[in-house]
């Protein structure tokens, strides 16, 4: 039986905390993929912080899980596109 491991969302918060496991997709990500996940997660946090600042009367942070998954994918794609057009070490075309 495998030991518990925290990488449900490939969260950057856990990438450096848990011991490496070969059967964990997050543990086997390349360094570039880890950076993309970390940048995406930080950008999402910043986005929601700005939204909350603009709507200070709202006291909860409810957001449907399916919408969050789509938002995360869109953010990840945006970071990937930005890297494609701005990192000279990447091939253009995505």
C-alpha atoms as a PDB file:
ATOM      1  CA  UNK A   1       0.000   0.000   0.000  1.00  0.00           C
ATOM      2  CA  UNK A   2       1.349   3.420  -0.981  1.00  0.00           C
ATOM      3  CA  UNK A   3       2.069   5.973   1.685  1.00  0.00           C
ATOM      4  CA  UNK A   4      -0.083   9.133   1.689  1.00  0.00           C
ATOM      5  CA  UNK A   5       1.120  11.811  -0.658  1.00  0.00           C
ATOM      6  CA  UNK A   6      -0.161  15.352  -1.279  1.00  0.00           C
ATOM      7  CA  UNK A   7      -0.189  16.381  -4.923  1.00  0.00           C
ATOM      8  CA  UNK A   8      -3.876  16.269  -5.756  1.00  0.00           C
ATOM      9  CA  UNK A   9      -3.742  19.434  -7.917  1.00  0.00           C
ATOM     10  CA  UNK A  10       0.003  19.360  -8.571  1.00  0.00           C
ATOM     11  CA  UNK A  11      -0.030  22.286  -6.182  1.00  0.00           C
ATOM     12  CA  UNK A  12       3.186  24.273  -6.030  1.00  0.00           C
ATOM     13  CA  UNK A  13       2.573  24.485  -2.294  1.00  0.00           C
ATOM     14  CA  UNK A  14       3.428  20.776  -2.028  1.00  0.00           C
ATOM     15  CA  UNK A  15       6.033  20.281  -4.723  1.00  0.00           C
ATOM     16  CA  UNK A  16       8.977  20.863  -2.391  1.00  0.00           C
ATOM     17  CA  UNK A  17       7.435  19.500   0.817  1.00  0.00           C
ATOM     18  CA  UNK A  18       6.725  15.846   0.240  1.00  0.00           C
ATOM     19  CA  UNK A  19       9.282  13.159  -0.444  1.00  0.00           C
ATOM     20  CA  UNK A  20       9.780  12.144  -4.063  1.00  0.00           C
ATOM     21  CA  UNK A  21       7.677   9.252  -5.316  1.00  0.00           C
ATOM     22  CA  UNK A  22       8.008   7.702  -8.762  1.00  0.00           C
ATOM     23  CA  UNK A  23       4.272   6.999  -8.993  1.00  0.00           C
ATOM     24  CA  UNK A  24       3.345  10.647  -8.305  1.00  0.00           C
ATOM     25  CA  UNK A  25       2.789  12.695 -11.499  1.00  0.00           C
ATOM     26  CA  UNK A  26       3.763  15.929  -9.732  1.00  0.00           C
ATOM     27  CA  UNK A  27       7.032  14.461  -8.509  1.00  0.00           C
ATOM     28  CA  UNK A  28       8.008  13.501 -12.024  1.00  0.00           C
ATOM     29  CA  UNK A  29       7.269  16.902 -13.589  1.00  0.00           C
ATOM     30  CA  UNK A  30      10.136  18.670 -15.274  1.00  0.00           C
ATOM     31  CA  UNK A  31      11.519  21.771 -13.592  1.00  0.00           C
ATOM     32  CA  UNK A  32       9.900  23.900 -16.327  1.00  0.00           C
ATOM     33  CA  UNK A  33       6.513  22.292 -15.670  1.00  0.00           C
ATOM     34  CA  UNK A  34       6.918  22.861 -11.930  1.00  0.00           C
ATOM     35  CA  UNK A  35       7.688  26.529 -12.591  1.00  0.00           C
ATOM     36  CA  UNK A  36       4.646  26.797 -14.868  1.00  0.00           C
ATOM     37  CA  UNK A  37       2.403  25.313 -12.154  1.00  0.00           C
ATOM     38  CA  UNK A  38       3.914  27.592  -9.496  1.00  0.00           C
ATOM     39  CA  UNK A  39       3.489  30.697 -11.676  1.00  0.00           C
ATOM     40  CA  UNK A  40      -0.079  29.739 -12.535  1.00  0.00           C
ATOM     41  CA  UNK A  41      -1.010  29.146  -8.912  1.00  0.00           C
ATOM     42  CA  UNK A  42       0.554  32.447  -7.808  1.00  0.00           C
ATOM     43  CA  UNK A  43      -1.230  34.296 -10.633  1.00  0.00           C
ATOM     44  CA  UNK A  44      -4.574  32.762  -9.655  1.00  0.00           C
ATOM     45  CA  UNK A  45      -4.036  33.784  -6.026  1.00  0.00           C
ATOM     46  CA  UNK A  46      -3.183  37.334  -7.121  1.00  0.00           C
ATOM     47  CA  UNK A  47      -6.250  37.459  -9.386  1.00  0.00           C
ATOM     48  CA  UNK A  48      -8.614  36.447  -6.577  1.00  0.00           C
ATOM     49  CA  UNK A  49      -6.916  38.875  -4.195  1.00  0.00           C
ATOM     50  CA  UNK A  50      -7.612  41.767  -6.597  1.00  0.00           C
ATOM     51  CA  UNK A  51     -11.215  40.623  -7.077  1.00  0.00           C
ATOM     52  CA  UNK A  52     -11.705  40.444  -3.302  1.00  0.00           C
ATOM     53  CA  UNK A  53     -10.162  43.907  -2.874  1.00  0.00           C
ATOM     54  CA  UNK A  54     -12.594  45.359  -5.411  1.00  0.00           C
ATOM     55  CA  UNK A  55     -15.619  43.692  -3.795  1.00  0.00           C
ATOM     56  CA  UNK A  56     -14.788  44.160  -0.119  1.00  0.00           C
ATOM     57  CA  UNK A  57     -18.461  43.712   0.842  1.00  0.00           C
ATOM     58  CA  UNK A  58     -18.287  40.038  -0.213  1.00  0.00           C
ATOM     59  CA  UNK A  59     -17.351  37.884   2.772  1.00  0.00           C
ATOM     60  CA  UNK A  60     -17.088  34.432   1.168  1.00  0.00           C
ATOM     61  CA  UNK A  61     -14.953  32.999  -1.606  1.00  0.00           C
ATOM     62  CA  UNK A  62     -17.246  30.354  -3.049  1.00  0.00           C
ATOM     63  CA  UNK A  63     -16.483  29.265  -6.610  1.00  0.00           C
ATOM     64  CA  UNK A  64     -17.709  26.048  -8.269  1.00  0.00           C
ATOM     65  CA  UNK A  65     -15.044  23.339  -8.619  1.00  0.00           C
ATOM     66  CA  UNK A  66     -15.751  22.803 -12.315  1.00  0.00           C
ATOM     67  CA  UNK A  67     -15.386  26.525 -12.986  1.00  0.00           C
ATOM     68  CA  UNK A  68     -12.152  26.544 -10.953  1.00  0.00           C
ATOM     69  CA  UNK A  69     -10.764  23.706 -13.058  1.00  0.00           C
ATOM     70  CA  UNK A  70     -11.576  25.590 -16.268  1.00  0.00           C
ATOM     71  CA  UNK A  71     -10.110  28.816 -14.837  1.00  0.00           C
ATOM     72  CA  UNK A  72      -6.922  26.996 -13.839  1.00  0.00           C
ATOM     73  CA  UNK A  73      -6.562  25.483 -17.308  1.00  0.00           C
ATOM     74  CA  UNK A  74      -7.100  28.887 -18.937  1.00  0.00           C
ATOM     75  CA  UNK A  75      -4.498  30.484 -16.659  1.00  0.00           C
ATOM     76  CA  UNK A  76      -2.031  27.702 -17.321  1.00  0.00           C
ATOM     77  CA  UNK A  77      -2.549  28.077 -21.072  1.00  0.00           C
ATOM     78  CA  UNK A  78      -2.084  31.857 -20.812  1.00  0.00           C
ATOM     79  CA  UNK A  79       1.231  31.396 -18.990  1.00  0.00           C
ATOM     80  CA  UNK A  80       2.314  28.833 -21.584  1.00  0.00           C
ATOM     81  CA  UNK A  81       1.432  31.202 -24.452  1.00  0.00           C
ATOM     82  CA  UNK A  82       3.223  34.083 -22.737  1.00  0.00           C
ATOM     83  CA  UNK A  83       6.332  31.919 -22.316  1.00  0.00           C
ATOM     84  CA  UNK A  84       6.182  30.814 -25.949  1.00  0.00           C
ATOM     85  CA  UNK A  85       6.211  34.404 -27.162  1.00  0.00           C
ATOM     86  CA  UNK A  86       8.705  35.781 -24.644  1.00  0.00           C
ATOM     87  CA  UNK A  87      11.225  33.072 -23.762  1.00  0.00           C
ATOM     88  CA  UNK A  88      13.929  32.857 -26.441  1.00  0.00           C
ATOM     89  CA  UNK A  89      14.719  29.288 -25.311  1.00  0.00           C
ATOM     90  CA  UNK A  90      11.227  28.053 -26.304  1.00  0.00           C
ATOM     91  CA  UNK A  91      10.128  27.233 -29.809  1.00  0.00           C
ATOM     92  CA  UNK A  92       7.257  29.374 -31.039  1.00  0.00           C
ATOM     93  CA  UNK A  93       3.975  27.765 -31.875  1.00  0.00           C
ATOM     94  CA  UNK A  94       3.025  26.480 -28.394  1.00  0.00           C
END
